[in-house]
Amino acid sequence: MLSITTVFGVTAAVLHGTGYVLYNIQTKRRDSEPNITTWMIGAFLAGLNAFSYRAMNHDTVMALQFFVGTVGSILTFFITLFTGRFSWPEIRAWWCAALAFIALLVWWYLRNATGANFIVLFAVLVSFQPMLEGVLKDPHKETPRSWVIWTVAYYISTINVALFSDNHWAFVSPLVLLFVHGSIAVLSRSARKALFPRPE
């Protein structure tokens, strides 16, 4: 019989994958304008986050959502790149790459997966900044559907960690990502779009 934590972990992973499928469909339909800075760095950070989170929490099921996110981020980056549906990267992409390298050093030399994971989370916040700024200025850049699904997935993961993990730091990663994804979902909702002129 499956445990509750397994059900939560698999459910979050399935929702996460579904969100990526819908996101790439809406990108193809021009309902989203991905920021390639976020997705370029995000593809690498997602993998680093997944492995460091697995190492710090010692639970593959709880980390499953992050591994699905890694695959989804990589595919989204390449789809975005080849379809040309993106805005070009900025200098902050190099800062994120530097932070990712520092996280690798912390993990490799200090054997500190928790510290590495927190550095990765900070880099994720930096990489998301241009997307958050873009949606704040123009909510038409994104469609909330996928972001709502990702937010629900991270909410499930946060509850799963809070209830069943022995590592009291393990909730930080899904909680931070819940906040970031939820912010884009809120900023791109239809009520905000009604206040902004629709782009030509």
C-alpha atoms as a PDB file:
ATOM      1  CA  MET A   1       0.000   0.000   0.000  1.00  0.00           C
ATOM      2  CA  LEU A   2       1.340   3.412  -0.960  1.00  0.00           C
ATOM      3  CA  SER A   3       2.208   5.780   1.856  1.00  0.00           C
ATOM      4  CA  ILE A   4       0.712   9.272   2.051  1.00  0.00           C
ATOM      5  CA  THR A   5       4.109  10.863   1.438  1.00  0.00           C
ATOM      6  CA  THR A   6       4.501   8.803  -1.768  1.00  0.00           C
ATOM      7  CA  VAL A   7       1.047   9.836  -2.981  1.00  0.00           C
ATOM      8  CA  PHE A   8       1.833  13.487  -2.254  1.00  0.00           C
ATOM      9  CA  GLY A   9       5.232  13.260  -3.955  1.00  0.00           C
ATOM     10  CA  VAL A  10       3.945  11.552  -7.090  1.00  0.00           C
ATOM     11  CA  THR A  11       0.919  13.887  -7.290  1.00  0.00           C
ATOM     12  CA  ALA A  12       3.166  16.954  -7.099  1.00  0.00           C
ATOM     13  CA  ALA A  13       5.456  15.511  -9.778  1.00  0.00           C
ATOM     14  CA  VAL A  14       2.547  14.729 -12.135  1.00  0.00           C
ATOM     15  CA  LEU A  15       1.092  18.211 -11.654  1.00  0.00           C
ATOM     16  CA  HIS A  16       4.506  19.717 -12.284  1.00  0.00           C
ATOM     17  CA  GLY A  17       4.916  17.819 -15.547  1.00  0.00           C
ATOM     18  CA  THR A  18       1.381  18.764 -16.621  1.00  0.00           C
ATOM     19  CA  GLY A  19       2.203  22.405 -16.002  1.00  0.00           C
ATOM     20  CA  TYR A  20       5.182  22.200 -18.360  1.00  0.00           C
ATOM     21  CA  VAL A  21       3.136  20.570 -21.111  1.00  0.00           C
ATOM     22  CA  LEU A  22       0.476  23.289 -20.869  1.00  0.00           C
ATOM     23  CA  TYR A  23       3.100  26.024 -20.663  1.00  0.00           C
ATOM     24  CA  ASN A  24       4.775  24.993 -23.897  1.00  0.00           C
ATOM     25  CA  ILE A  25       1.398  24.712 -25.613  1.00  0.00           C
ATOM     26  CA  GLN A  26       0.449  28.227 -24.561  1.00  0.00           C
ATOM     27  CA  THR A  27       3.901  29.491 -25.593  1.00  0.00           C
ATOM     28  CA  LYS A  28       3.375  28.037 -29.055  1.00  0.00           C
ATOM     29  CA  ARG A  29       0.002  29.807 -29.147  1.00  0.00           C
ATOM     30  CA  ARG A  30       1.761  33.048 -28.164  1.00  0.00           C
ATOM     31  CA  ASP A  31      -0.128  33.227 -24.869  1.00  0.00           C
ATOM     32  CA  SER A  32       3.205  33.416 -23.029  1.00  0.00           C
ATOM     33  CA  GLU A  33       6.441  35.250 -23.734  1.00  0.00           C
ATOM     34  CA  PRO A  34       9.155  33.302 -21.865  1.00  0.00           C
ATOM     35  CA  ASN A  35      12.210  35.096 -20.570  1.00  0.00           C
ATOM     36  CA  ILE A  36      15.163  33.082 -21.830  1.00  0.00           C
ATOM     37  CA  THR A  37      17.344  34.293 -18.937  1.00  0.00           C
ATOM     38  CA  THR A  38      15.046  32.538 -16.519  1.00  0.00           C
ATOM     39  CA  TRP A  39      14.800  29.344 -18.564  1.00  0.00           C
ATOM     40  CA  MET A  40      18.458  29.159 -19.598  1.00  0.00           C
ATOM     41  CA  ILE A  41      19.759  29.407 -16.038  1.00  0.00           C
ATOM     42  CA  GLY A  42      16.676  27.699 -14.661  1.00  0.00           C
ATOM     43  CA  ALA A  43      17.366  24.527 -16.635  1.00  0.00           C
ATOM     44  CA  PHE A  44      20.753  24.139 -14.936  1.00  0.00           C
ATOM     45  CA  LEU A  45      19.603  25.368 -11.528  1.00  0.00           C
ATOM     46  CA  ALA A  46      16.654  22.967 -11.563  1.00  0.00           C
ATOM     47  CA  GLY A  47      18.997  20.003 -11.895  1.00  0.00           C
ATOM     48  CA  LEU A  48      21.337  21.307  -9.217  1.00  0.00           C
ATOM     49  CA  ASN A  49      18.358  21.988  -6.957  1.00  0.00           C
ATOM     50  CA  ALA A  50      16.960  18.479  -7.497  1.00  0.00           C
ATOM     51  CA  PHE A  51      20.203  16.671  -6.672  1.00  0.00           C
ATOM     52  CA  SER A  52      21.170  18.895  -3.729  1.00  0.00           C
ATOM     53  CA  TYR A  53      17.623  18.683  -2.352  1.00  0.00           C
ATOM     54  CA  ARG A  54      17.724  14.885  -2.633  1.00  0.00           C
ATOM     55  CA  ALA A  55      21.074  14.848  -0.846  1.00  0.00           C
ATOM     56  CA  MET A  56      19.926  17.093   2.010  1.00  0.00           C
ATOM     57  CA  ASN A  57      16.533  15.419   2.504  1.00  0.00           C
ATOM     58  CA  HIS A  58      17.476  11.792   1.699  1.00  0.00           C
ATOM     59  CA  ASP A  59      14.073  11.199   0.086  1.00  0.00           C
ATOM     60  CA  THR A  60      13.777  10.579  -3.643  1.00  0.00           C
ATOM     61  CA  VAL A  61       9.965  10.757  -3.643  1.00  0.00           C
ATOM     62  CA  MET A  62       9.938  14.221  -2.083  1.00  0.00           C
ATOM     63  CA  ALA A  63      12.544  15.314  -4.622  1.00  0.00           C
ATOM     64  CA  LEU A  64      10.665  13.752  -7.556  1.00  0.00           C
ATOM     65  CA  GLN A  65       8.894  17.002  -8.414  1.00  0.00           C
ATOM     66  CA  PHE A  66      12.263  18.745  -8.738  1.00  0.00           C
ATOM     67  CA  PHE A  67      13.597  16.064 -11.089  1.00  0.00           C
ATOM     68  CA  VAL A  68      10.480  16.396 -13.257  1.00  0.00           C
ATOM     69  CA  GLY A  69      11.014  20.153 -13.170  1.00  0.00           C
ATOM     70  CA  THR A  70      14.587  19.656 -14.359  1.00  0.00           C
ATOM     71  CA  VAL A  71      13.462  17.758 -17.450  1.00  0.00           C
ATOM     72  CA  GLY A  72      10.647  20.247 -18.035  1.00  0.00           C
ATOM     73  CA  SER A  73      12.974  23.249 -17.731  1.00  0.00           C
ATOM     74  CA  ILE A  74      15.491  21.790 -20.173  1.00  0.00           C
ATOM     75  CA  LEU A  75      12.798  20.976 -22.741  1.00  0.00           C
ATOM     76  CA  THR A  76      11.163  24.391 -22.296  1.00  0.00           C
ATOM     77  CA  PHE A  77      14.480  26.149 -22.807  1.00  0.00           C
ATOM     78  CA  PHE A  78      15.164  24.343 -26.086  1.00  0.00           C
ATOM     79  CA  ILE A  79      11.582  24.740 -27.330  1.00  0.00           C
ATOM     80  CA  THR A  80      11.740  28.441 -26.472  1.00  0.00           C
ATOM     81  CA  LEU A  81      15.128  28.771 -28.170  1.00  0.00           C
ATOM     82  CA  PHE A  82      14.180  27.005 -31.402  1.00  0.00           C
ATOM     83  CA  THR A  83      10.776  28.686 -31.769  1.00  0.00           C
ATOM     84  CA  GLY A  84      12.182  32.137 -31.086  1.00  0.00           C
ATOM     85  CA  ARG A  85       9.484  32.853 -28.512  1.00  0.00           C
ATOM     86  CA  PHE A  86      11.659  34.561 -25.947  1.00  0.00           C
ATOM     87  CA  SER A  87      13.180  37.811 -24.768  1.00  0.00           C
ATOM     88  CA  TRP A  88      16.972  37.908 -24.808  1.00  0.00           C
ATOM     89  CA  PRO A  89      19.116  37.263 -21.721  1.00  0.00           C
ATOM     90  CA  GLU A  90      20.587  40.005 -19.558  1.00  0.00           C
ATOM     91  CA  ILE A  91      23.837  40.322 -17.598  1.00  0.00           C
ATOM     92  CA  ARG A  92      22.210  38.836 -14.494  1.00  0.00           C
ATOM     93  CA  ALA A  93      22.365  35.437 -16.215  1.00  0.00           C
ATOM     94  CA  TRP A  94      26.117  35.427 -15.549  1.00  0.00           C
ATOM     95  CA  TRP A  95      25.533  36.216 -11.875  1.00  0.00           C
ATOM     96  CA  CYS A  96      23.193  33.234 -11.654  1.00  0.00           C
ATOM     97  CA  ALA A  97      25.770  31.023 -13.341  1.00  0.00           C
ATOM     98  CA  ALA A  98      28.393  32.216 -10.848  1.00  0.00           C
ATOM     99  CA  LEU A  99      26.086  31.412  -7.942  1.00  0.00           C
ATOM    100  CA  ALA A 100      25.464  27.954  -9.373  1.00  0.00           C
ATOM    101  CA  PHE A 101      29.245  27.399  -9.577  1.00  0.00           C
ATOM    102  CA  ILE A 102      29.645  28.525  -5.953  1.00  0.00           C
ATOM    103  CA  ALA A 103      26.872  26.121  -4.936  1.00  0.00           C
ATOM    104  CA  LEU A 104      28.739  23.291  -6.654  1.00  0.00           C
ATOM    105  CA  LEU A 105      31.929  24.186  -4.772  1.00  0.00           C
ATOM    106  CA  VAL A 106      30.082  24.298  -1.452  1.00  0.00           C
ATOM    107  CA  TRP A 107      28.539  20.934  -2.128  1.00  0.00           C
ATOM    108  CA  TRP A 108      31.671  19.264  -3.528  1.00  0.00           C
ATOM    109  CA  TYR A 109      34.360  20.569  -1.176  1.00  0.00           C
ATOM    110  CA  LEU A 110      32.394  21.256   2.008  1.00  0.00           C
ATOM    111  CA  ARG A 111      29.979  18.345   1.563  1.00  0.00           C
ATOM    112  CA  ASN A 112      27.205  20.727   2.540  1.00  0.00           C
ATOM    113  CA  ALA A 113      24.122  19.897   0.434  1.00  0.00           C
ATOM    114  CA  THR A 114      21.878  22.193   2.490  1.00  0.00           C
ATOM    115  CA  GLY A 115      24.142  25.204   1.987  1.00  0.00           C
ATOM    116  CA  ALA A 116      24.418  24.434  -1.727  1.00  0.00           C
ATOM    117  CA  ASN A 117      20.648  24.128  -2.011  1.00  0.00           C
ATOM    118  CA  PHE A 118      20.112  27.513  -0.365  1.00  0.00           C
ATOM    119  CA  ILE A 119      22.614  29.157  -2.721  1.00  0.00           C
ATOM    120  CA  VAL A 120      20.745  27.580  -5.638  1.00  0.00           C
ATOM    121  CA  LEU A 121      17.461  28.954  -4.304  1.00  0.00           C
ATOM    122  CA  PHE A 122      18.951  32.440  -4.145  1.00  0.00           C
ATOM    123  CA  ALA A 123      20.136  32.045  -7.747  1.00  0.00           C
ATOM    124  CA  VAL A 124      16.621  30.917  -8.724  1.00  0.00           C
ATOM    125  CA  LEU A 125      15.188  34.090  -7.190  1.00  0.00           C
ATOM    126  CA  VAL A 126      17.692  36.183  -9.153  1.00  0.00           C
ATOM    127  CA  SER A 127      16.881  34.345 -12.387  1.00  0.00           C
ATOM    128  CA  PHE A 128      13.151  34.843 -11.861  1.00  0.00           C
ATOM    129  CA  GLN A 129      13.491  38.580 -11.307  1.00  0.00           C
ATOM    130  CA  PRO A 130      13.252  39.601 -14.991  1.00  0.00           C
ATOM    131  CA  MET A 131      10.164  37.429 -15.464  1.00  0.00           C
ATOM    132  CA  LEU A 132       8.528  38.879 -12.355  1.00  0.00           C
ATOM    133  CA  GLU A 133       9.368  42.415 -13.464  1.00  0.00           C
ATOM    134  CA  GLY A 134       8.021  41.713 -16.949  1.00  0.00           C
ATOM    135  CA  VAL A 135       4.697  40.340 -15.713  1.00  0.00           C
ATOM    136  CA  LEU A 136       4.380  43.157 -13.187  1.00  0.00           C
ATOM    137  CA  LYS A 137       4.671  45.702 -16.007  1.00  0.00           C
ATOM    138  CA  ASP A 138       2.661  43.679 -18.532  1.00  0.00           C
ATOM    139  CA  PRO A 139       0.467  40.782 -17.291  1.00  0.00           C
ATOM    140  CA  HIS A 140      -0.153  39.735 -20.912  1.00  0.00           C
ATOM    141  CA  LYS A 141       3.366  38.248 -20.996  1.00  0.00           C
ATOM    142  CA  GLU A 142       2.117  35.164 -19.141  1.00  0.00           C
ATOM    143  CA  THR A 143      -1.008  33.042 -18.787  1.00  0.00           C
ATOM    144  CA  PRO A 144      -1.701  31.965 -15.184  1.00  0.00           C
ATOM    145  CA  ARG A 145      -2.882  28.396 -15.865  1.00  0.00           C
ATOM    146  CA  SER A 146       0.502  26.639 -15.744  1.00  0.00           C
ATOM    147  CA  TRP A 147       1.716  28.860 -12.927  1.00  0.00           C
ATOM    148  CA  VAL A 148      -1.341  27.978 -10.840  1.00  0.00           C
ATOM    149  CA  ILE A 149      -0.684  24.266 -11.430  1.00  0.00           C
ATOM    150  CA  TRP A 150       2.981  24.669 -10.430  1.00  0.00           C
ATOM    151  CA  THR A 151       1.934  26.627  -7.345  1.00  0.00           C
ATOM    152  CA  VAL A 152      -0.454  23.853  -6.284  1.00  0.00           C
ATOM    153  CA  ALA A 153       2.301  21.274  -6.875  1.00  0.00           C
ATOM    154  CA  TYR A 154       4.730  23.191  -4.665  1.00  0.00           C
ATOM    155  CA  TYR A 155       2.015  23.623  -2.034  1.00  0.00           C
ATOM    156  CA  ILE A 156       1.557  19.847  -1.939  1.00  0.00           C
ATOM    157  CA  SER A 157       5.326  19.400  -1.670  1.00  0.00           C
ATOM    158  CA  THR A 158       5.526  21.934   1.165  1.00  0.00           C
ATOM    159  CA  ILE A 159       2.794  20.114   3.097  1.00  0.00           C
ATOM    160  CA  ASN A 160       4.465  16.771   2.376  1.00  0.00           C
ATOM    161  CA  VAL A 161       7.800  17.972   3.743  1.00  0.00           C
ATOM    162  CA  ALA A 162       6.217  19.697   6.751  1.00  0.00           C
ATOM    163  CA  LEU A 163       4.356  16.535   7.752  1.00  0.00           C
ATOM    164  CA  PHE A 164       6.810  13.771   6.923  1.00  0.00           C
ATOM    165  CA  SER A 165      10.381  15.071   6.638  1.00  0.00           C
ATOM    166  CA  ASP A 166      12.859  14.877   9.506  1.00  0.00           C
ATOM    167  CA  ASN A 167      14.909  17.719   8.026  1.00  0.00           C
ATOM    168  CA  HIS A 168      13.442  21.022   9.210  1.00  0.00           C
ATOM    169  CA  TRP A 169      15.281  22.892   6.416  1.00  0.00           C
ATOM    170  CA  ALA A 170      13.733  20.790   3.656  1.00  0.00           C
ATOM    171  CA  PHE A 171      10.562  22.884   3.494  1.00  0.00           C
ATOM    172  CA  VAL A 172      12.478  26.004   2.408  1.00  0.00           C
ATOM    173  CA  SER A 173      12.942  24.955  -1.233  1.00  0.00           C
ATOM    174  CA  PRO A 174       9.298  24.132  -2.073  1.00  0.00           C
ATOM    175  CA  LEU A 175       8.124  27.135  -0.026  1.00  0.00           C
ATOM    176  CA  VAL A 176      10.351  29.603  -1.893  1.00  0.00           C
ATOM    177  CA  LEU A 177       9.358  28.124  -5.256  1.00  0.00           C
ATOM    178  CA  LEU A 178       5.686  28.193  -4.237  1.00  0.00           C
ATOM    179  CA  PHE A 179       6.017  31.923  -3.538  1.00  0.00           C
ATOM    180  CA  VAL A 180       7.784  32.671  -6.842  1.00  0.00           C
ATOM    181  CA  HIS A 181       5.411  30.664  -9.039  1.00  0.00           C
ATOM    182  CA  GLY A 182       2.382  31.898  -7.124  1.00  0.00           C
ATOM    183  CA  SER A 183       3.488  35.498  -7.630  1.00  0.00           C
ATOM    184  CA  ILE A 184       3.543  35.075 -11.416  1.00  0.00           C
ATOM    185  CA  ALA A 185       0.147  33.347 -11.292  1.00  0.00           C
ATOM    186  CA  VAL A 186      -1.313  36.306  -9.377  1.00  0.00           C
ATOM    187  CA  LEU A 187       0.387  38.972 -11.488  1.00  0.00           C
ATOM    188  CA  SER A 188      -0.832  37.417 -14.763  1.00  0.00           C
ATOM    189  CA  ARG A 189      -4.442  36.816 -13.744  1.00  0.00           C
ATOM    190  CA  SER A 190      -7.305  38.066 -15.916  1.00  0.00           C
ATOM    191  CA  ALA A 191      -8.310  40.783 -13.429  1.00  0.00           C
ATOM    192  CA  ARG A 192      -4.925  42.474 -13.871  1.00  0.00           C
ATOM    193  CA  LYS A 193      -4.926  42.032 -17.631  1.00  0.00           C
ATOM    194  CA  ALA A 194      -8.218  43.935 -17.818  1.00  0.00           C
ATOM    195  CA  LEU A 195      -6.391  46.986 -16.401  1.00  0.00           C
ATOM    196  CA  PHE A 196      -3.666  46.923 -19.072  1.00  0.00           C
ATOM    197  CA  PRO A 197      -4.010  47.640 -22.796  1.00  0.00           C
ATOM    198  CA  ARG A 198      -3.694  44.472 -24.841  1.00  0.00           C
ATOM    199  CA  PRO A 199      -0.430  44.473 -26.821  1.00  0.00           C
ATOM    200  CA  GLU A 200      -0.655  44.577 -30.616  1.00  0.00           C
END
